[in-house]
Every structure is written in structure tokens, then in C-alpha cells.
ModelCIF file with pLDDT and N, C-alpha, C, O atoms, coordinates in Angstrom:
data_MODEL
#
_entry.id   MODEL 
#
_entity.id                         1 
_entity.type                       polymer 
_entity.pdbx_number_of_molecules   1 
#
_entity_poly.entity_id                      1 
_entity_poly.type                           'polypeptide(L)' 
_entity_poly.nstd_linkage                   no 
_entity_poly.nstd_monomer                   no 
_entity_poly.pdbx_seq_one_letter_code       LKAGRPAWRIEAIDGAEDGRTKLDRLTQAAWGEIP 
_entity_poly.pdbx_seq_one_letter_code_can   LKAGRPAWRIEAIDGAEDGRTKLDRLTQAAWGEIP 
_entity_poly.pdbx_strand_id                 A 
#
loop_
_entity_poly_seq.entity_id 
_entity_poly_seq.num 
_entity_poly_seq.mon_id 
_entity_poly_seq.hetero 
1 1  LEU n 
1 2  LYS n 
1 3  ALA n 
1 4  GLY n 
1 5  ARG n 
1 6  PRO n 
1 7  ALA n 
1 8  TRP n 
1 9  ARG n 
1 10 ILE n 
1 11 GLU n 
1 12 ALA n 
1 13 ILE n 
1 14 ASP n 
1 15 GLY n 
1 16 ALA n 
1 17 GLU n 
1 18 ASP n 
1 19 GLY n 
1 20 ARG n 
1 21 THR n 
1 22 LYS n 
1 23 LEU n 
1 24 ASP n 
1 25 ARG n 
1 26 LEU n 
1 27 THR n 
1 28 GLN n 
1 29 ALA n 
1 30 ALA n 
1 31 TRP n 
1 32 GLY n 
1 33 GLU n 
1 34 ILE n 
1 35 PRO n 
#
_struct_asym.id          A 
_struct_asym.entity_id   1 
#
loop_
_ma_qa_metric.id 
_ma_qa_metric.mode 
_ma_qa_metric.name 
_ma_qa_metric.software_group_id 
_ma_qa_metric.type 
1 global pLDDT . pLDDT 
2 local  pLDDT . pLDDT 
#
_ma_qa_metric_global.metric_id      1 
_ma_qa_metric_global.metric_value   96.69 
_ma_qa_metric_global.model_id       1 
_ma_qa_metric_global.ordinal_id     1 
#
loop_
_ma_qa_metric_local.label_asym_id 
_ma_qa_metric_local.label_comp_id 
_ma_qa_metric_local.label_seq_id 
_ma_qa_metric_local.metric_id 
_ma_qa_metric_local.metric_value 
_ma_qa_metric_local.model_id 
_ma_qa_metric_local.ordinal_id 
A LEU 1  2 97.00 1 1  
A LYS 2  2 97.00 1 2  
A ALA 3  2 97.00 1 3  
A GLY 4  2 96.00 1 4  
A ARG 5  2 97.00 1 5  
A PRO 6  2 97.00 1 6  
A ALA 7  2 98.00 1 7  
A TRP 8  2 98.00 1 8  
A ARG 9  2 98.00 1 9  
A ILE 10 2 98.00 1 10 
A GLU 11 2 98.00 1 11 
A ALA 12 2 97.00 1 12 
A ILE 13 2 96.00 1 13 
A ASP 14 2 95.00 1 14 
A GLY 15 2 94.00 1 15 
A ALA 16 2 94.00 1 16 
A GLU 17 2 94.00 1 17 
A ASP 18 2 96.00 1 18 
A GLY 19 2 96.00 1 19 
A ARG 20 2 96.00 1 20 
A THR 21 2 97.00 1 21 
A LYS 22 2 97.00 1 22 
A LEU 23 2 98.00 1 23 
A ASP 24 2 97.00 1 24 
A ARG 25 2 97.00 1 25 
A LEU 26 2 97.00 1 26 
A THR 27 2 98.00 1 27 
A GLN 28 2 97.00 1 28 
A ALA 29 2 97.00 1 29 
A ALA 30 2 97.00 1 30 
A TRP 31 2 97.00 1 31 
A GLY 32 2 97.00 1 32 
A GLU 33 2 95.00 1 33 
A ILE 34 2 97.00 1 34 
A PRO 35 2 97.00 1 35 
#
loop_
_atom_site.group_PDB 
_atom_site.id 
_atom_site.type_symbol 
_atom_site.label_atom_id 
_atom_site.label_alt_id 
_atom_site.label_comp_id 
_atom_site.label_asym_id 
_atom_site.label_entity_id 
_atom_site.label_seq_id 
_atom_site.pdbx_PDB_ins_code 
_atom_site.Cartn_x 
_atom_site.Cartn_y 
_atom_site.Cartn_z 
_atom_site.occupancy 
_atom_site.B_iso_or_equiv 
_atom_site.pdbx_formal_charge 
_atom_site.auth_seq_id 
_atom_site.auth_comp_id 
_atom_site.auth_asym_id 
_atom_site.auth_atom_id 
_atom_site.pdbx_PDB_model_num 
ATOM 1   N N  . LEU A 1 1  ? 0.571   -1.143  -0.153 1.00 97.00 ? 1  LEU A N  1 
ATOM 2   C CA . LEU A 1 1  ? -0.180  0.151   0.044  1.00 97.00 ? 1  LEU A CA 1 
ATOM 3   C C  . LEU A 1 1  ? 0.798   1.242   -0.182 1.00 97.00 ? 1  LEU A C  1 
ATOM 4   O O  . LEU A 1 1  ? 0.632   2.067   -1.082 1.00 97.00 ? 1  LEU A O  1 
ATOM 5   N N  . LYS A 1 2  ? 2.143   1.265   0.881  1.00 97.00 ? 2  LYS A N  1 
ATOM 6   C CA . LYS A 1 2  ? 2.438   2.403   0.576  1.00 97.00 ? 2  LYS A CA 1 
ATOM 7   C C  . LYS A 1 2  ? 3.686   2.487   -0.224 1.00 97.00 ? 2  LYS A C  1 
ATOM 8   O O  . LYS A 1 2  ? 4.427   3.419   0.089  1.00 97.00 ? 2  LYS A O  1 
ATOM 9   N N  . ALA A 1 3  ? 4.264   1.344   -1.648 1.00 97.00 ? 3  ALA A N  1 
ATOM 10  C CA . ALA A 1 3  ? 5.088   1.082   -2.489 1.00 97.00 ? 3  ALA A CA 1 
ATOM 11  C C  . ALA A 1 3  ? 3.988   2.037   -3.737 1.00 97.00 ? 3  ALA A C  1 
ATOM 12  O O  . ALA A 1 3  ? 4.449   3.019   -4.317 1.00 97.00 ? 3  ALA A O  1 
ATOM 13  N N  . GLY A 1 4  ? 2.830   1.647   -3.937 1.00 96.00 ? 4  GLY A N  1 
ATOM 14  C CA . GLY A 1 4  ? 1.996   2.198   -4.631 1.00 96.00 ? 4  GLY A CA 1 
ATOM 15  C C  . GLY A 1 4  ? 0.596   1.984   -5.057 1.00 96.00 ? 4  GLY A C  1 
ATOM 16  O O  . GLY A 1 4  ? 0.164   0.966   -4.515 1.00 96.00 ? 4  GLY A O  1 
ATOM 17  N N  . ARG A 1 5  ? -0.391  2.629   -5.921 1.00 97.00 ? 5  ARG A N  1 
ATOM 18  C CA . ARG A 1 5  ? -1.639  2.774   -5.392 1.00 97.00 ? 5  ARG A CA 1 
ATOM 19  C C  . ARG A 1 5  ? -2.168  0.867   -6.119 1.00 97.00 ? 5  ARG A C  1 
ATOM 20  O O  . ARG A 1 5  ? -2.073  0.471   -7.281 1.00 97.00 ? 5  ARG A O  1 
ATOM 21  N N  . PRO A 1 6  ? -2.626  0.197   -5.032 1.00 97.00 ? 6  PRO A N  1 
ATOM 22  C CA . PRO A 1 6  ? -3.024  -0.790  -5.590 1.00 97.00 ? 6  PRO A CA 1 
ATOM 23  C C  . PRO A 1 6  ? -4.590  -0.940  -6.738 1.00 97.00 ? 6  PRO A C  1 
ATOM 24  O O  . PRO A 1 6  ? -5.176  -0.061  -7.370 1.00 97.00 ? 6  PRO A O  1 
ATOM 25  N N  . ALA A 1 7  ? -4.780  -1.973  -6.658 1.00 98.00 ? 7  ALA A N  1 
ATOM 26  C CA . ALA A 1 7  ? -5.745  -2.637  -7.829 1.00 98.00 ? 7  ALA A CA 1 
ATOM 27  C C  . ALA A 1 7  ? -7.342  -2.592  -6.549 1.00 98.00 ? 7  ALA A C  1 
ATOM 28  O O  . ALA A 1 7  ? -8.257  -1.771  -6.609 1.00 98.00 ? 7  ALA A O  1 
ATOM 29  N N  . TRP A 1 8  ? -7.238  -3.447  -5.780 1.00 98.00 ? 8  TRP A N  1 
ATOM 30  C CA . TRP A 1 8  ? -7.564  -4.326  -4.655 1.00 98.00 ? 8  TRP A CA 1 
ATOM 31  C C  . TRP A 1 8  ? -7.143  -4.941  -3.344 1.00 98.00 ? 8  TRP A C  1 
ATOM 32  O O  . TRP A 1 8  ? -6.231  -5.768  -3.349 1.00 98.00 ? 8  TRP A O  1 
ATOM 33  N N  . ARG A 1 9  ? -7.714  -4.613  -2.276 1.00 98.00 ? 9  ARG A N  1 
ATOM 34  C CA . ARG A 1 9  ? -7.462  -4.966  -0.959 1.00 98.00 ? 9  ARG A CA 1 
ATOM 35  C C  . ARG A 1 9  ? -8.455  -5.845  -0.708 1.00 98.00 ? 9  ARG A C  1 
ATOM 36  O O  . ARG A 1 9  ? -9.652  -5.562  -0.660 1.00 98.00 ? 9  ARG A O  1 
ATOM 37  N N  . ILE A 1 10 ? -7.716  -7.467  -0.464 1.00 98.00 ? 10 ILE A N  1 
ATOM 38  C CA . ILE A 1 10 ? -8.720  -7.752  -0.142 1.00 98.00 ? 10 ILE A CA 1 
ATOM 39  C C  . ILE A 1 10 ? -8.648  -8.426  1.572  1.00 98.00 ? 10 ILE A C  1 
ATOM 40  O O  . ILE A 1 10 ? -7.685  -9.143  1.844  1.00 98.00 ? 10 ILE A O  1 
ATOM 41  N N  . GLU A 1 11 ? -9.454  -8.210  2.394  1.00 98.00 ? 11 GLU A N  1 
ATOM 42  C CA . GLU A 1 11 ? -10.022 -8.937  3.728  1.00 98.00 ? 11 GLU A CA 1 
ATOM 43  C C  . GLU A 1 11 ? -11.382 -9.900  3.752  1.00 98.00 ? 11 GLU A C  1 
ATOM 44  O O  . GLU A 1 11 ? -12.389 -9.686  3.077  1.00 98.00 ? 11 GLU A O  1 
ATOM 45  N N  . ALA A 1 12 ? -11.177 -11.082 4.738  1.00 97.00 ? 12 ALA A N  1 
ATOM 46  C CA . ALA A 1 12 ? -11.152 -11.886 5.234  1.00 97.00 ? 12 ALA A CA 1 
ATOM 47  C C  . ALA A 1 12 ? -12.506 -11.926 6.439  1.00 97.00 ? 12 ALA A C  1 
ATOM 48  O O  . ALA A 1 12 ? -12.403 -11.950 7.665  1.00 97.00 ? 12 ALA A O  1 
ATOM 49  N N  . ILE A 1 13 ? -13.546 -11.923 5.741  1.00 96.00 ? 13 ILE A N  1 
ATOM 50  C CA . ILE A 1 13 ? -14.909 -11.832 6.258  1.00 96.00 ? 13 ILE A CA 1 
ATOM 51  C C  . ILE A 1 13 ? -14.254 -11.852 7.179  1.00 96.00 ? 13 ILE A C  1 
ATOM 52  O O  . ILE A 1 13 ? -14.028 -10.706 7.567  1.00 96.00 ? 13 ILE A O  1 
ATOM 53  N N  . ASP A 1 14 ? -13.614 -12.910 8.014  1.00 95.00 ? 14 ASP A N  1 
ATOM 54  C CA . ASP A 1 14 ? -13.987 -13.654 9.752  1.00 95.00 ? 14 ASP A CA 1 
ATOM 55  C C  . ASP A 1 14 ? -12.186 -13.230 9.573  1.00 95.00 ? 14 ASP A C  1 
ATOM 56  O O  . ASP A 1 14 ? -11.478 -14.234 9.643  1.00 95.00 ? 14 ASP A O  1 
ATOM 57  N N  . GLY A 1 15 ? -11.472 -12.003 9.375  1.00 94.00 ? 15 GLY A N  1 
ATOM 58  C CA . GLY A 1 15 ? -10.774 -11.392 10.000 1.00 94.00 ? 15 GLY A CA 1 
ATOM 59  C C  . GLY A 1 15 ? -11.006 -10.179 11.500 1.00 94.00 ? 15 GLY A C  1 
ATOM 60  O O  . GLY A 1 15 ? -11.953 -9.419  11.701 1.00 94.00 ? 15 GLY A O  1 
ATOM 61  N N  . ALA A 1 16 ? -10.017 -10.351 12.166 1.00 94.00 ? 16 ALA A N  1 
ATOM 62  C CA . ALA A 1 16 ? -9.961  -9.001  13.156 1.00 94.00 ? 16 ALA A CA 1 
ATOM 63  C C  . ALA A 1 16 ? -10.143 -8.321  12.721 1.00 94.00 ? 16 ALA A C  1 
ATOM 64  O O  . ALA A 1 16 ? -10.045 -8.452  11.501 1.00 94.00 ? 16 ALA A O  1 
ATOM 65  N N  . GLU A 1 17 ? -10.608 -6.857  13.293 1.00 94.00 ? 17 GLU A N  1 
ATOM 66  C CA . GLU A 1 17 ? -11.362 -6.465  13.038 1.00 94.00 ? 17 GLU A CA 1 
ATOM 67  C C  . GLU A 1 17 ? -10.038 -5.115  12.955 1.00 94.00 ? 17 GLU A C  1 
ATOM 68  O O  . GLU A 1 17 ? -9.895  -4.306  12.038 1.00 94.00 ? 17 GLU A O  1 
ATOM 69  N N  . ASP A 1 18 ? -9.269  -5.224  14.131 1.00 96.00 ? 18 ASP A N  1 
ATOM 70  C CA . ASP A 1 18 ? -8.155  -4.029  14.662 1.00 96.00 ? 18 ASP A CA 1 
ATOM 71  C C  . ASP A 1 18 ? -7.349  -4.101  13.126 1.00 96.00 ? 18 ASP A C  1 
ATOM 72  O O  . ASP A 1 18 ? -7.042  -3.082  12.507 1.00 96.00 ? 18 ASP A O  1 
ATOM 73  N N  . GLY A 1 19 ? -7.043  -5.629  12.592 1.00 96.00 ? 19 GLY A N  1 
ATOM 74  C CA . GLY A 1 19 ? -5.737  -5.717  11.503 1.00 96.00 ? 19 GLY A CA 1 
ATOM 75  C C  . GLY A 1 19 ? -5.955  -4.991  10.320 1.00 96.00 ? 19 GLY A C  1 
ATOM 76  O O  . GLY A 1 19 ? -5.063  -4.585  9.575  1.00 96.00 ? 19 GLY A O  1 
ATOM 77  N N  . ARG A 1 20 ? -8.113  -4.717  10.045 1.00 96.00 ? 20 ARG A N  1 
ATOM 78  C CA . ARG A 1 20 ? -8.759  -4.123  9.077  1.00 96.00 ? 20 ARG A CA 1 
ATOM 79  C C  . ARG A 1 20 ? -8.600  -2.494  9.189  1.00 96.00 ? 20 ARG A C  1 
ATOM 80  O O  . ARG A 1 20 ? -8.031  -1.682  8.460  1.00 96.00 ? 20 ARG A O  1 
ATOM 81  N N  . THR A 1 21 ? -9.048  -2.412  9.927  1.00 97.00 ? 21 THR A N  1 
ATOM 82  C CA . THR A 1 21 ? -8.872  -1.013  10.662 1.00 97.00 ? 21 THR A CA 1 
ATOM 83  C C  . THR A 1 21 ? -7.809  0.253   9.826  1.00 97.00 ? 21 THR A C  1 
ATOM 84  O O  . THR A 1 21 ? -7.960  1.186   9.038  1.00 97.00 ? 21 THR A O  1 
ATOM 85  N N  . LYS A 1 22 ? -6.275  -0.679  10.866 1.00 97.00 ? 22 LYS A N  1 
ATOM 86  C CA . LYS A 1 22 ? -5.045  0.092   10.596 1.00 97.00 ? 22 LYS A CA 1 
ATOM 87  C C  . LYS A 1 22 ? -4.914  0.050   8.843  1.00 97.00 ? 22 LYS A C  1 
ATOM 88  O O  . LYS A 1 22 ? -5.064  1.135   8.282  1.00 97.00 ? 22 LYS A O  1 
ATOM 89  N N  . LEU A 1 23 ? -4.589  -1.393  7.819  1.00 98.00 ? 23 LEU A N  1 
ATOM 90  C CA . LEU A 1 23 ? -5.236  -0.813  6.670  1.00 98.00 ? 23 LEU A CA 1 
ATOM 91  C C  . LEU A 1 23 ? -5.545  -0.273  6.329  1.00 98.00 ? 23 LEU A C  1 
ATOM 92  O O  . LEU A 1 23 ? -4.825  0.330   5.534  1.00 98.00 ? 23 LEU A O  1 
ATOM 93  N N  . ASP A 1 24 ? -7.283  0.285   6.524  1.00 97.00 ? 24 ASP A N  1 
ATOM 94  C CA . ASP A 1 24 ? -7.972  1.025   6.024  1.00 97.00 ? 24 ASP A CA 1 
ATOM 95  C C  . ASP A 1 24 ? -7.741  2.304   5.768  1.00 97.00 ? 24 ASP A C  1 
ATOM 96  O O  . ASP A 1 24 ? -7.962  2.993   4.772  1.00 97.00 ? 24 ASP A O  1 
ATOM 97  N N  . ARG A 1 25 ? -7.143  2.585   7.065  1.00 97.00 ? 25 ARG A N  1 
ATOM 98  C CA . ARG A 1 25 ? -6.624  4.168   7.429  1.00 97.00 ? 25 ARG A CA 1 
ATOM 99  C C  . ARG A 1 25 ? -5.667  4.589   6.716  1.00 97.00 ? 25 ARG A C  1 
ATOM 100 O O  . ARG A 1 25 ? -5.707  5.553   5.951  1.00 97.00 ? 25 ARG A O  1 
ATOM 101 N N  . LEU A 1 26 ? -4.414  3.615   7.016  1.00 97.00 ? 26 LEU A N  1 
ATOM 102 C CA . LEU A 1 26 ? -3.384  3.974   5.785  1.00 97.00 ? 26 LEU A CA 1 
ATOM 103 C C  . LEU A 1 26 ? -3.219  3.974   4.296  1.00 97.00 ? 26 LEU A C  1 
ATOM 104 O O  . LEU A 1 26 ? -2.228  4.278   3.632  1.00 97.00 ? 26 LEU A O  1 
ATOM 105 N N  . THR A 1 27 ? -4.936  3.386   3.746  1.00 98.00 ? 27 THR A N  1 
ATOM 106 C CA . THR A 1 27 ? -5.169  3.009   2.505  1.00 98.00 ? 27 THR A CA 1 
ATOM 107 C C  . THR A 1 27 ? -5.897  4.884   2.165  1.00 98.00 ? 27 THR A C  1 
ATOM 108 O O  . THR A 1 27 ? -5.444  5.641   1.307  1.00 98.00 ? 27 THR A O  1 
ATOM 109 N N  . GLN A 1 28 ? -7.204  5.243   3.227  1.00 97.00 ? 28 GLN A N  1 
ATOM 110 C CA . GLN A 1 28 ? -7.693  6.344   2.933  1.00 97.00 ? 28 GLN A CA 1 
ATOM 111 C C  . GLN A 1 28 ? -6.187  7.102   2.635  1.00 97.00 ? 28 GLN A C  1 
ATOM 112 O O  . GLN A 1 28 ? -5.900  7.508   1.509  1.00 97.00 ? 28 GLN A O  1 
ATOM 113 N N  . ALA A 1 29 ? -5.289  7.231   3.780  1.00 97.00 ? 29 ALA A N  1 
ATOM 114 C CA . ALA A 1 29 ? -4.391  8.681   3.686  1.00 97.00 ? 29 ALA A CA 1 
ATOM 115 C C  . ALA A 1 29 ? -3.651  8.169   2.554  1.00 97.00 ? 29 ALA A C  1 
ATOM 116 O O  . ALA A 1 29 ? -3.663  9.018   1.663  1.00 97.00 ? 29 ALA A O  1 
ATOM 117 N N  . ALA A 1 30 ? -3.194  7.425   2.317  1.00 97.00 ? 30 ALA A N  1 
ATOM 118 C CA . ALA A 1 30 ? -2.336  7.475   0.786  1.00 97.00 ? 30 ALA A CA 1 
ATOM 119 C C  . ALA A 1 30 ? -3.394  7.365   -0.400 1.00 97.00 ? 30 ALA A C  1 
ATOM 120 O O  . ALA A 1 30 ? -2.926  7.647   -1.503 1.00 97.00 ? 30 ALA A O  1 
ATOM 121 N N  . TRP A 1 31 ? -4.588  7.045   -0.371 1.00 97.00 ? 31 TRP A N  1 
ATOM 122 C CA . TRP A 1 31 ? -5.091  6.569   -1.989 1.00 97.00 ? 31 TRP A CA 1 
ATOM 123 C C  . TRP A 1 31 ? -6.548  7.201   -1.894 1.00 97.00 ? 31 TRP A C  1 
ATOM 124 O O  . TRP A 1 31 ? -7.109  7.897   -2.740 1.00 97.00 ? 31 TRP A O  1 
ATOM 125 N N  . GLY A 1 32 ? -7.002  6.803   -0.700 1.00 97.00 ? 32 GLY A N  1 
ATOM 126 C CA . GLY A 1 32 ? -8.454  7.949   -1.089 1.00 97.00 ? 32 GLY A CA 1 
ATOM 127 C C  . GLY A 1 32 ? -9.046  6.239   -1.447 1.00 97.00 ? 32 GLY A C  1 
ATOM 128 O O  . GLY A 1 32 ? -8.213  5.355   -1.647 1.00 97.00 ? 32 GLY A O  1 
ATOM 129 N N  . GLU A 1 33 ? -10.512 5.945   -1.490 1.00 95.00 ? 33 GLU A N  1 
ATOM 130 C CA . GLU A 1 33 ? -11.354 4.708   -1.944 1.00 95.00 ? 33 GLU A CA 1 
ATOM 131 C C  . GLU A 1 33 ? -10.136 3.579   -2.425 1.00 95.00 ? 33 GLU A C  1 
ATOM 132 O O  . GLU A 1 33 ? -8.958  3.845   -2.665 1.00 95.00 ? 33 GLU A O  1 
ATOM 133 N N  . ILE A 1 34 ? -10.520 2.816   -2.460 1.00 97.00 ? 34 ILE A N  1 
ATOM 134 C CA . ILE A 1 34 ? -10.137 1.580   -2.991 1.00 97.00 ? 34 ILE A CA 1 
ATOM 135 C C  . ILE A 1 34 ? -11.315 0.527   -2.809 1.00 97.00 ? 34 ILE A C  1 
ATOM 136 O O  . ILE A 1 34 ? -11.952 0.399   -1.763 1.00 97.00 ? 34 ILE A O  1 
ATOM 137 N N  . PRO A 1 35 ? -11.496 -0.126  -3.842 1.00 97.00 ? 35 PRO A N  1 
ATOM 138 C CA . PRO A 1 35 ? -12.060 -1.315  -3.241 1.00 97.00 ? 35 PRO A CA 1 
ATOM 139 C C  . PRO A 1 35 ? -11.708 -2.359  -2.823 1.00 97.00 ? 35 PRO A C  1 
ATOM 140 O O  . PRO A 1 35 ? -12.533 -3.150  -2.365 1.00 97.00 ? 35 PRO A O  1 
#
């Protein structure tokens, strides 16, 4: 996510919320909305 704009992020539906939230924030700060 830091290296370049991604095409998609992949998040398991049964994954922990904490990790996803951190990546959500990083993505939003760097690239805005990413599917």
C-alpha cells in the first residue's frame, strides 16, 4: 500500500477488525477509496 496505488484490497470476512482498521486508515490516507 505504501509502494503504489493498489487495484484491490483483500480482507477475510472472519478476520480481526483491528488489522483491517489499520489498513483502512493507511489506504485512505495514501490513496482514498480503494475497492
